[in-house]
């Protein structure tokens, strides 16, 4: 008479592991737990974006942008530092095409980031790629790539959606509350622009001389063009950015800042 064999401990352990894997952030469509985990991982970004975008809303109001113009900036571009840069160029009277060109150059890094994120996310439909390509930023890129293995679209959606909401709420708050703040305090918020760029720059400068030389060359070219060239602020900025990028490609090692996990992806 045939006897039914009980599953071995090893088989039982393997089954449990498979079950856990199915519920992990890298399983197909994902589940509500993936979305919740993504929001939890994105909380520091959400709070950071909210406070930074309050400054953006205030600066936009001081730059005579309407509420709709200011909010559209954050709703449809969501580029952080580039938005501050665009405000600065608007205030200095730079033309629209020059602002668009500078905006595009500054955001070129997102092309590489999006390519890396595309490999990390376990997409099942093309529409997911289109939707999630919009929300990639420096910070949520770091969160996504710090995960072992792949993550689900639900997880990535939460990592992008939470900061996007935080950035837009902060923008709205900054523009609305700017009307009740003293003029002196509103004017002082202009300093936040320079503080933001310094915060973005300093971590790279600590990496060594190639980064310092790259930043110094871009600053030097911009200063010389501003002082002695009739090109204007817009083209001076664009040329300085391109020259710094080319020098950085020569001086900075190709593997700099790349972790072993990112290489595997």
C-alpha atoms as a PDB file:
ATOM      1  CA  UNK A   1       0.000   0.000   0.000  1.00  0.00           C
ATOM      2  CA  UNK A   2       1.449   3.417  -1.022  1.00  0.00           C
ATOM      3  CA  UNK A   3       2.161   5.792   1.835  1.00  0.00           C
ATOM      4  CA  UNK A   4       1.933   9.553   1.529  1.00  0.00           C
ATOM      5  CA  UNK A   5       5.271  11.119   2.371  1.00  0.00           C
ATOM      6  CA  UNK A   6       5.292  14.113   4.648  1.00  0.00           C
ATOM      7  CA  UNK A   7       7.094  17.127   3.244  1.00  0.00           C
ATOM      8  CA  UNK A   8      10.615  17.405   4.593  1.00  0.00           C
ATOM      9  CA  UNK A   9      11.749  20.314   6.749  1.00  0.00           C
ATOM     10  CA  UNK A  10      13.892  21.569   3.906  1.00  0.00           C
ATOM     11  CA  UNK A  11      10.941  21.617   1.506  1.00  0.00           C
ATOM     12  CA  UNK A  12       8.797  23.386   4.095  1.00  0.00           C
ATOM     13  CA  UNK A  13      11.476  26.035   4.633  1.00  0.00           C
ATOM     14  CA  UNK A  14      11.818  26.550   0.889  1.00  0.00           C
ATOM     15  CA  UNK A  15       8.044  26.973   0.530  1.00  0.00           C
ATOM     16  CA  UNK A  16       8.012  29.562   3.289  1.00  0.00           C
ATOM     17  CA  UNK A  17      10.878  31.430   1.667  1.00  0.00           C
ATOM     18  CA  UNK A  18       9.028  31.487  -1.641  1.00  0.00           C
ATOM     19  CA  UNK A  19       5.936  32.786   0.128  1.00  0.00           C
ATOM     20  CA  UNK A  20       7.926  35.567   1.775  1.00  0.00           C
ATOM     21  CA  UNK A  21       9.565  36.412  -1.534  1.00  0.00           C
ATOM     22  CA  UNK A  22       6.136  36.754  -3.132  1.00  0.00           C
ATOM     23  CA  UNK A  23       5.278  39.392  -0.515  1.00  0.00           C
ATOM     24  CA  UNK A  24       8.581  41.245  -0.819  1.00  0.00           C
ATOM     25  CA  UNK A  25       8.955  44.686  -2.474  1.00  0.00           C
ATOM     26  CA  UNK A  26      10.225  42.995  -5.622  1.00  0.00           C
ATOM     27  CA  UNK A  27       7.243  40.847  -6.511  1.00  0.00           C
ATOM     28  CA  UNK A  28       5.427  41.888  -9.668  1.00  0.00           C
ATOM     29  CA  UNK A  29       2.604  44.347  -9.131  1.00  0.00           C
ATOM     30  CA  UNK A  30       3.282  44.535  -5.410  1.00  0.00           C
ATOM     31  CA  UNK A  31       0.747  44.818  -2.633  1.00  0.00           C
ATOM     32  CA  UNK A  32      -0.491  47.385  -0.084  1.00  0.00           C
ATOM     33  CA  UNK A  33       2.363  46.443   2.222  1.00  0.00           C
ATOM     34  CA  UNK A  34       4.839  47.426  -0.482  1.00  0.00           C
ATOM     35  CA  UNK A  35       3.160  50.817  -0.829  1.00  0.00           C
ATOM     36  CA  UNK A  36       3.177  51.342   2.949  1.00  0.00           C
ATOM     37  CA  UNK A  37       6.830  50.362   3.163  1.00  0.00           C
ATOM     38  CA  UNK A  38       7.652  52.773   0.341  1.00  0.00           C
ATOM     39  CA  UNK A  39       5.934  55.640   2.156  1.00  0.00           C
ATOM     40  CA  UNK A  40       7.784  54.757   5.351  1.00  0.00           C
ATOM     41  CA  UNK A  41      11.136  54.754   3.570  1.00  0.00           C
ATOM     42  CA  UNK A  42      10.275  58.074   1.916  1.00  0.00           C
ATOM     43  CA  UNK A  43       9.236  59.904   5.109  1.00  0.00           C
ATOM     44  CA  UNK A  44      12.562  61.766   5.561  1.00  0.00           C
ATOM     45  CA  UNK A  45      12.347  62.922   1.937  1.00  0.00           C
ATOM     46  CA  UNK A  46       8.725  64.038   2.364  1.00  0.00           C
ATOM     47  CA  UNK A  47       9.530  66.241   5.365  1.00  0.00           C
ATOM     48  CA  UNK A  48      12.690  67.583   3.728  1.00  0.00           C
ATOM     49  CA  UNK A  49      10.881  68.432   0.503  1.00  0.00           C
ATOM     50  CA  UNK A  50       8.025  70.100   2.359  1.00  0.00           C
ATOM     51  CA  UNK A  51      10.328  72.515   4.171  1.00  0.00           C
ATOM     52  CA  UNK A  52      12.468  73.234   1.096  1.00  0.00           C
ATOM     53  CA  UNK A  53       9.465  73.895  -1.129  1.00  0.00           C
ATOM     54  CA  UNK A  54       8.046  76.403   1.357  1.00  0.00           C
ATOM     55  CA  UNK A  55      11.095  78.501   0.516  1.00  0.00           C
ATOM     56  CA  UNK A  56      10.416  77.941  -3.178  1.00  0.00           C
ATOM     57  CA  UNK A  57       6.812  79.133  -2.807  1.00  0.00           C
ATOM     58  CA  UNK A  58       7.945  82.256  -0.971  1.00  0.00           C
ATOM     59  CA  UNK A  59      10.627  83.020  -3.552  1.00  0.00           C
ATOM     60  CA  UNK A  60       8.180  82.466  -6.417  1.00  0.00           C
ATOM     61  CA  UNK A  61       5.720  84.908  -4.849  1.00  0.00           C
ATOM     62  CA  UNK A  62       8.508  87.453  -4.420  1.00  0.00           C
ATOM     63  CA  UNK A  63       9.369  86.902  -8.093  1.00  0.00           C
ATOM     64  CA  UNK A  64       5.813  88.002  -9.014  1.00  0.00           C
ATOM     65  CA  UNK A  65       4.700  84.538 -10.130  1.00  0.00           C
ATOM     66  CA  UNK A  66       0.998  83.880  -9.655  1.00  0.00           C
ATOM     67  CA  UNK A  67      -0.290  81.037  -7.506  1.00  0.00           C
ATOM     68  CA  UNK A  68      -1.181  79.008 -10.610  1.00  0.00           C
ATOM     69  CA  UNK A  69       2.235  79.594 -12.206  1.00  0.00           C
ATOM     70  CA  UNK A  70       4.035  78.682  -9.006  1.00  0.00           C
ATOM     71  CA  UNK A  71       1.993  75.565  -8.334  1.00  0.00           C
ATOM     72  CA  UNK A  72       2.237  74.425 -11.957  1.00  0.00           C
ATOM     73  CA  UNK A  73       6.011  74.674 -11.647  1.00  0.00           C
ATOM     74  CA  UNK A  74       5.962  72.061  -8.883  1.00  0.00           C
ATOM     75  CA  UNK A  75       3.100  69.952 -10.232  1.00  0.00           C
ATOM     76  CA  UNK A  76       4.482  69.417 -13.719  1.00  0.00           C
ATOM     77  CA  UNK A  77       8.272  69.622 -13.359  1.00  0.00           C
ATOM     78  CA  UNK A  78       9.129  68.509  -9.792  1.00  0.00           C
ATOM     79  CA  UNK A  79      12.860  69.116 -10.169  1.00  0.00           C
ATOM     80  CA  UNK A  80      13.836  70.806  -6.910  1.00  0.00           C
ATOM     81  CA  UNK A  81      17.158  72.575  -7.444  1.00  0.00           C
ATOM     82  CA  UNK A  82      16.349  73.315 -11.093  1.00  0.00           C
ATOM     83  CA  UNK A  83      13.189  75.149 -10.020  1.00  0.00           C
ATOM     84  CA  UNK A  84      15.233  77.404  -7.734  1.00  0.00           C
ATOM     85  CA  UNK A  85      17.736  77.958 -10.550  1.00  0.00           C
ATOM     86  CA  UNK A  86      14.925  78.871 -12.962  1.00  0.00           C
ATOM     87  CA  UNK A  87      13.566  81.417 -10.470  1.00  0.00           C
ATOM     88  CA  UNK A  88      16.997  82.997 -10.223  1.00  0.00           C
ATOM     89  CA  UNK A  89      17.261  83.206 -14.016  1.00  0.00           C
ATOM     90  CA  UNK A  90      13.755  84.679 -14.252  1.00  0.00           C
ATOM     91  CA  UNK A  91      14.698  87.367 -11.718  1.00  0.00           C
ATOM     92  CA  UNK A  92      17.827  88.285 -13.679  1.00  0.00           C
ATOM     93  CA  UNK A  93      15.830  88.771 -16.874  1.00  0.00           C
ATOM     94  CA  UNK A  94      17.084  85.740 -18.796  1.00  0.00           C
ATOM     95  CA  UNK A  95      15.027  84.811 -21.880  1.00  0.00           C
ATOM     96  CA  UNK A  96      12.683  81.812 -21.970  1.00  0.00           C
ATOM     97  CA  UNK A  97      14.730  79.666 -24.415  1.00  0.00           C
ATOM     98  CA  UNK A  98      17.877  80.137 -22.332  1.00  0.00           C
ATOM     99  CA  UNK A  99      16.037  79.113 -19.160  1.00  0.00           C
ATOM    100  CA  UNK A 100      14.642  76.004 -20.873  1.00  0.00           C
ATOM    101  CA  UNK A 101      18.108  75.027 -22.149  1.00  0.00           C
ATOM    102  CA  UNK A 102      19.736  75.518 -18.738  1.00  0.00           C
ATOM    103  CA  UNK A 103      16.850  73.650 -17.107  1.00  0.00           C
ATOM    104  CA  UNK A 104      17.332  70.706 -19.460  1.00  0.00           C
ATOM    105  CA  UNK A 105      21.092  70.558 -18.961  1.00  0.00           C
ATOM    106  CA  UNK A 106      20.793  70.596 -15.183  1.00  0.00           C
ATOM    107  CA  UNK A 107      18.269  67.749 -15.334  1.00  0.00           C
ATOM    108  CA  UNK A 108      20.222  65.529 -17.732  1.00  0.00           C
ATOM    109  CA  UNK A 109      21.365  63.448 -14.759  1.00  0.00           C
ATOM    110  CA  UNK A 110      17.832  62.093 -14.438  1.00  0.00           C
ATOM    111  CA  UNK A 111      18.316  60.206 -17.693  1.00  0.00           C
ATOM    112  CA  UNK A 112      20.963  58.008 -16.062  1.00  0.00           C
ATOM    113  CA  UNK A 113      19.048  57.769 -12.790  1.00  0.00           C
ATOM    114  CA  UNK A 114      15.859  56.683 -14.555  1.00  0.00           C
ATOM    115  CA  UNK A 115      17.768  54.000 -16.459  1.00  0.00           C
ATOM    116  CA  UNK A 116      19.106  52.600 -13.187  1.00  0.00           C
ATOM    117  CA  UNK A 117      15.653  52.732 -11.539  1.00  0.00           C
ATOM    118  CA  UNK A 118      14.135  50.939 -14.539  1.00  0.00           C
ATOM    119  CA  UNK A 119      16.385  47.968 -13.785  1.00  0.00           C
ATOM    120  CA  UNK A 120      15.518  47.998 -10.087  1.00  0.00           C
ATOM    121  CA  UNK A 121      11.719  48.044 -10.489  1.00  0.00           C
ATOM    122  CA  UNK A 122       9.911  44.818 -11.437  1.00  0.00           C
ATOM    123  CA  UNK A 123       7.648  46.376 -14.072  1.00  0.00           C
ATOM    124  CA  UNK A 124       4.822  44.309 -15.508  1.00  0.00           C
ATOM    125  CA  UNK A 125       3.239  46.943 -17.773  1.00  0.00           C
ATOM    126  CA  UNK A 126       4.657  49.688 -19.988  1.00  0.00           C
ATOM    127  CA  UNK A 127       2.328  52.313 -18.518  1.00  0.00           C
ATOM    128  CA  UNK A 128       4.060  51.825 -15.167  1.00  0.00           C
ATOM    129  CA  UNK A 129       7.341  52.861 -16.733  1.00  0.00           C
ATOM    130  CA  UNK A 130       5.781  56.015 -18.179  1.00  0.00           C
ATOM    131  CA  UNK A 131       4.168  57.052 -14.896  1.00  0.00           C
ATOM    132  CA  UNK A 132       7.119  56.298 -12.622  1.00  0.00           C
ATOM    133  CA  UNK A 133       9.673  57.918 -14.934  1.00  0.00           C
ATOM    134  CA  UNK A 134       8.201  61.303 -13.975  1.00  0.00           C
ATOM    135  CA  UNK A 135       8.894  61.156 -10.241  1.00  0.00           C
ATOM    136  CA  UNK A 136      12.566  60.125 -10.104  1.00  0.00           C
ATOM    137  CA  UNK A 137      14.660  62.541  -8.021  1.00  0.00           C
ATOM    138  CA  UNK A 138      18.122  62.406  -6.479  1.00  0.00           C
ATOM    139  CA  UNK A 139      16.755  61.421  -3.072  1.00  0.00           C
ATOM    140  CA  UNK A 140      14.218  58.747  -4.003  1.00  0.00           C
ATOM    141  CA  UNK A 141      16.763  57.335  -6.462  1.00  0.00           C
ATOM    142  CA  UNK A 142      19.072  56.759  -3.492  1.00  0.00           C
ATOM    143  CA  UNK A 143      16.256  55.080  -1.530  1.00  0.00           C
ATOM    144  CA  UNK A 144      15.317  52.766  -4.405  1.00  0.00           C
ATOM    145  CA  UNK A 145      18.857  51.693  -5.255  1.00  0.00           C
ATOM    146  CA  UNK A 146      19.656  51.007  -1.593  1.00  0.00           C
ATOM    147  CA  UNK A 147      17.207  48.068  -1.645  1.00  0.00           C
ATOM    148  CA  UNK A 148      18.586  44.579  -2.202  1.00  0.00           C
ATOM    149  CA  UNK A 149      17.247  43.091  -5.404  1.00  0.00           C
ATOM    150  CA  UNK A 150      14.235  44.473  -7.227  1.00  0.00           C
ATOM    151  CA  UNK A 151      11.326  46.487  -5.853  1.00  0.00           C
ATOM    152  CA  UNK A 152       7.696  46.424  -6.951  1.00  0.00           C
ATOM    153  CA  UNK A 153       5.942  49.252  -8.838  1.00  0.00           C
ATOM    154  CA  UNK A 154       3.789  49.794  -5.730  1.00  0.00           C
ATOM    155  CA  UNK A 155       6.888  50.429  -3.616  1.00  0.00           C
ATOM    156  CA  UNK A 156       8.432  52.749  -6.208  1.00  0.00           C
ATOM    157  CA  UNK A 157       5.132  54.562  -6.640  1.00  0.00           C
ATOM    158  CA  UNK A 158       5.004  55.333  -2.925  1.00  0.00           C
ATOM    159  CA  UNK A 159       8.649  56.444  -2.851  1.00  0.00           C
ATOM    160  CA  UNK A 160       7.847  58.941  -5.623  1.00  0.00           C
ATOM    161  CA  UNK A 161       4.278  59.965  -4.772  1.00  0.00           C
ATOM    162  CA  UNK A 162       4.925  60.870  -1.126  1.00  0.00           C
ATOM    163  CA  UNK A 163       7.724  63.373  -1.852  1.00  0.00           C
ATOM    164  CA  UNK A 164       5.784  64.796  -4.812  1.00  0.00           C
ATOM    165  CA  UNK A 165       2.808  65.536  -2.533  1.00  0.00           C
ATOM    166  CA  UNK A 166       5.111  66.975   0.136  1.00  0.00           C
ATOM    167  CA  UNK A 167       6.831  69.237  -2.399  1.00  0.00           C
ATOM    168  CA  UNK A 168       3.544  70.543  -3.769  1.00  0.00           C
ATOM    169  CA  UNK A 169       1.981  71.124  -0.343  1.00  0.00           C
ATOM    170  CA  UNK A 170       5.089  73.035   0.707  1.00  0.00           C
ATOM    171  CA  UNK A 171       4.980  75.124  -2.474  1.00  0.00           C
ATOM    172  CA  UNK A 172       1.337  76.001  -1.839  1.00  0.00           C
ATOM    173  CA  UNK A 173       1.994  76.833   1.819  1.00  0.00           C
ATOM    174  CA  UNK A 174       4.967  79.023   0.974  1.00  0.00           C
ATOM    175  CA  UNK A 175       3.068  81.037  -1.606  1.00  0.00           C
ATOM    176  CA  UNK A 176      -0.040  81.482   0.562  1.00  0.00           C
ATOM    177  CA  UNK A 177       1.702  82.278   3.836  1.00  0.00           C
ATOM    178  CA  UNK A 178       4.152  84.593   2.115  1.00  0.00           C
ATOM    179  CA  UNK A 179       1.429  87.227   2.124  1.00  0.00           C
ATOM    180  CA  UNK A 180       1.242  87.338   5.926  1.00  0.00           C
ATOM    181  CA  UNK A 181       4.993  87.344   6.601  1.00  0.00           C
ATOM    182  CA  UNK A 182       6.889  90.607   7.146  1.00  0.00           C
ATOM    183  CA  UNK A 183       8.555  91.896   3.981  1.00  0.00           C
ATOM    184  CA  UNK A 184      11.982  91.671   5.616  1.00  0.00           C
ATOM    185  CA  UNK A 185      11.507  87.968   6.422  1.00  0.00           C
ATOM    186  CA  UNK A 186      10.240  87.185   2.949  1.00  0.00           C
ATOM    187  CA  UNK A 187      13.236  88.942   1.425  1.00  0.00           C
ATOM    188  CA  UNK A 188      15.586  86.993   3.693  1.00  0.00           C
ATOM    189  CA  UNK A 189      14.266  83.745   2.238  1.00  0.00           C
ATOM    190  CA  UNK A 190      16.293  84.500  -0.897  1.00  0.00           C
ATOM    191  CA  UNK A 191      19.297  83.218   1.056  1.00  0.00           C
ATOM    192  CA  UNK A 192      17.737  79.754   1.052  1.00  0.00           C
ATOM    193  CA  UNK A 193      18.522  79.512  -2.665  1.00  0.00           C
ATOM    194  CA  UNK A 194      22.255  79.798  -2.053  1.00  0.00           C
ATOM    195  CA  UNK A 195      22.071  77.541   0.995  1.00  0.00           C
ATOM    196  CA  UNK A 196      20.367  74.848  -1.096  1.00  0.00           C
ATOM    197  CA  UNK A 197      23.026  74.920  -3.810  1.00  0.00           C
ATOM    198  CA  UNK A 198      25.810  74.824  -1.214  1.00  0.00           C
ATOM    199  CA  UNK A 199      24.156  71.824   0.453  1.00  0.00           C
ATOM    200  CA  UNK A 200      24.102  70.044  -2.925  1.00  0.00           C
ATOM    201  CA  UNK A 201      27.684  70.986  -3.750  1.00  0.00           C
ATOM    202  CA  UNK A 202      29.613  70.412  -0.504  1.00  0.00           C
ATOM    203  CA  UNK A 203      29.173  66.606  -0.255  1.00  0.00           C
ATOM    204  CA  UNK A 204      30.776  66.216  -3.693  1.00  0.00           C
ATOM    205  CA  UNK A 205      33.615  68.612  -2.887  1.00  0.00           C
ATOM    206  CA  UNK A 206      34.587  66.349   0.014  1.00  0.00           C
ATOM    207  CA  UNK A 207      35.262  63.496  -2.434  1.00  0.00           C
ATOM    208  CA  UNK A 208      38.559  64.956  -3.612  1.00  0.00           C
ATOM    209  CA  UNK A 209      40.422  67.311  -5.914  1.00  0.00           C
ATOM    210  CA  UNK A 210      38.722  66.263  -9.217  1.00  0.00           C
ATOM    211  CA  UNK A 211      35.360  67.425  -7.866  1.00  0.00           C
ATOM    212  CA  UNK A 212      36.852  70.665  -6.499  1.00  0.00           C
ATOM    213  CA  UNK A 213      38.526  71.465  -9.827  1.00  0.00           C
ATOM    214  CA  UNK A 214      35.321  70.708 -11.737  1.00  0.00           C
ATOM    215  CA  UNK A 215      33.217  73.016  -9.551  1.00  0.00           C
ATOM    216  CA  UNK A 216      35.896  75.723  -9.546  1.00  0.00           C
ATOM    217  CA  UNK A 217      36.201  75.667 -13.340  1.00  0.00           C
ATOM    218  CA  UNK A 218      32.449  76.060 -13.822  1.00  0.00           C
ATOM    219  CA  UNK A 219      32.356  78.923 -11.300  1.00  0.00           C
ATOM    220  CA  UNK A 220      35.386  80.561 -12.915  1.00  0.00           C
ATOM    221  CA  UNK A 221      33.981  80.364 -16.447  1.00  0.00           C
ATOM    222  CA  UNK A 222      30.642  81.800 -15.296  1.00  0.00           C
ATOM    223  CA  UNK A 223      32.343  84.661 -13.432  1.00  0.00           C
ATOM    224  CA  UNK A 224      34.573  85.578 -16.388  1.00  0.00           C
ATOM    225  CA  UNK A 225      31.661  85.514 -18.846  1.00  0.00           C
ATOM    226  CA  UNK A 226      29.460  87.567 -16.510  1.00  0.00           C
ATOM    227  CA  UNK A 227      32.165  90.231 -16.118  1.00  0.00           C
ATOM    228  CA  UNK A 228      33.625  90.437 -19.601  1.00  0.00           C
ATOM    229  CA  UNK A 229      31.151  88.883 -22.047  1.00  0.00           C
ATOM    230  CA  UNK A 230      28.082  90.454 -23.675  1.00  0.00           C
ATOM    231  CA  UNK A 231      26.307  87.076 -23.713  1.00  0.00           C
ATOM    232  CA  UNK A 232      24.181  87.746 -20.648  1.00  0.00           C
ATOM    233  CA  UNK A 233      23.472  85.646 -17.543  1.00  0.00           C
ATOM    234  CA  UNK A 234      21.568  82.894 -19.334  1.00  0.00           C
ATOM    235  CA  UNK A 235      24.194  81.900 -21.887  1.00  0.00           C
ATOM    236  CA  UNK A 236      26.998  82.447 -19.373  1.00  0.00           C
ATOM    237  CA  UNK A 237      25.348  79.946 -17.071  1.00  0.00           C
ATOM    238  CA  UNK A 238      24.776  77.410 -19.864  1.00  0.00           C
ATOM    239  CA  UNK A 239      28.381  77.639 -21.134  1.00  0.00           C
ATOM    240  CA  UNK A 240      29.762  77.374 -17.579  1.00  0.00           C
ATOM    241  CA  UNK A 241      27.620  74.304 -16.916  1.00  0.00           C
ATOM    242  CA  UNK A 242      28.731  72.592 -20.130  1.00  0.00           C
ATOM    243  CA  UNK A 243      32.412  73.359 -19.563  1.00  0.00           C
ATOM    244  CA  UNK A 244      32.207  72.013 -16.008  1.00  0.00           C
ATOM    245  CA  UNK A 245      30.474  68.866 -17.265  1.00  0.00           C
ATOM    246  CA  UNK A 246      33.153  68.219 -19.906  1.00  0.00           C
ATOM    247  CA  UNK A 247      35.984  68.742 -17.417  1.00  0.00           C
ATOM    248  CA  UNK A 248      34.216  66.496 -14.905  1.00  0.00           C
ATOM    249  CA  UNK A 249      33.983  63.726 -17.503  1.00  0.00           C
ATOM    250  CA  UNK A 250      37.763  63.959 -17.943  1.00  0.00           C
ATOM    251  CA  UNK A 251      38.824  64.299 -14.319  1.00  0.00           C
ATOM    252  CA  UNK A 252      36.304  62.259 -12.319  1.00  0.00           C
ATOM    253  CA  UNK A 253      36.724  58.449 -12.474  1.00  0.00           C
ATOM    254  CA  UNK A 254      33.866  56.638 -14.205  1.00  0.00           C
ATOM    255  CA  UNK A 255      33.315  54.363 -11.174  1.00  0.00           C
ATOM    256  CA  UNK A 256      33.292  57.192  -8.624  1.00  0.00           C
ATOM    257  CA  UNK A 257      30.344  57.068  -6.280  1.00  0.00           C
ATOM    258  CA  UNK A 258      29.185  53.690  -7.583  1.00  0.00           C
ATOM    259  CA  UNK A 259      28.544  51.013  -4.988  1.00  0.00           C
ATOM    260  CA  UNK A 260      28.858  47.301  -5.566  1.00  0.00           C
ATOM    261  CA  UNK A 261      25.086  46.932  -5.326  1.00  0.00           C
ATOM    262  CA  UNK A 262      24.543  49.480  -8.061  1.00  0.00           C
ATOM    263  CA  UNK A 263      27.058  47.745 -10.305  1.00  0.00           C
ATOM    264  CA  UNK A 264      25.196  44.466  -9.910  1.00  0.00           C
ATOM    265  CA  UNK A 265      21.975  46.120 -10.979  1.00  0.00           C
END
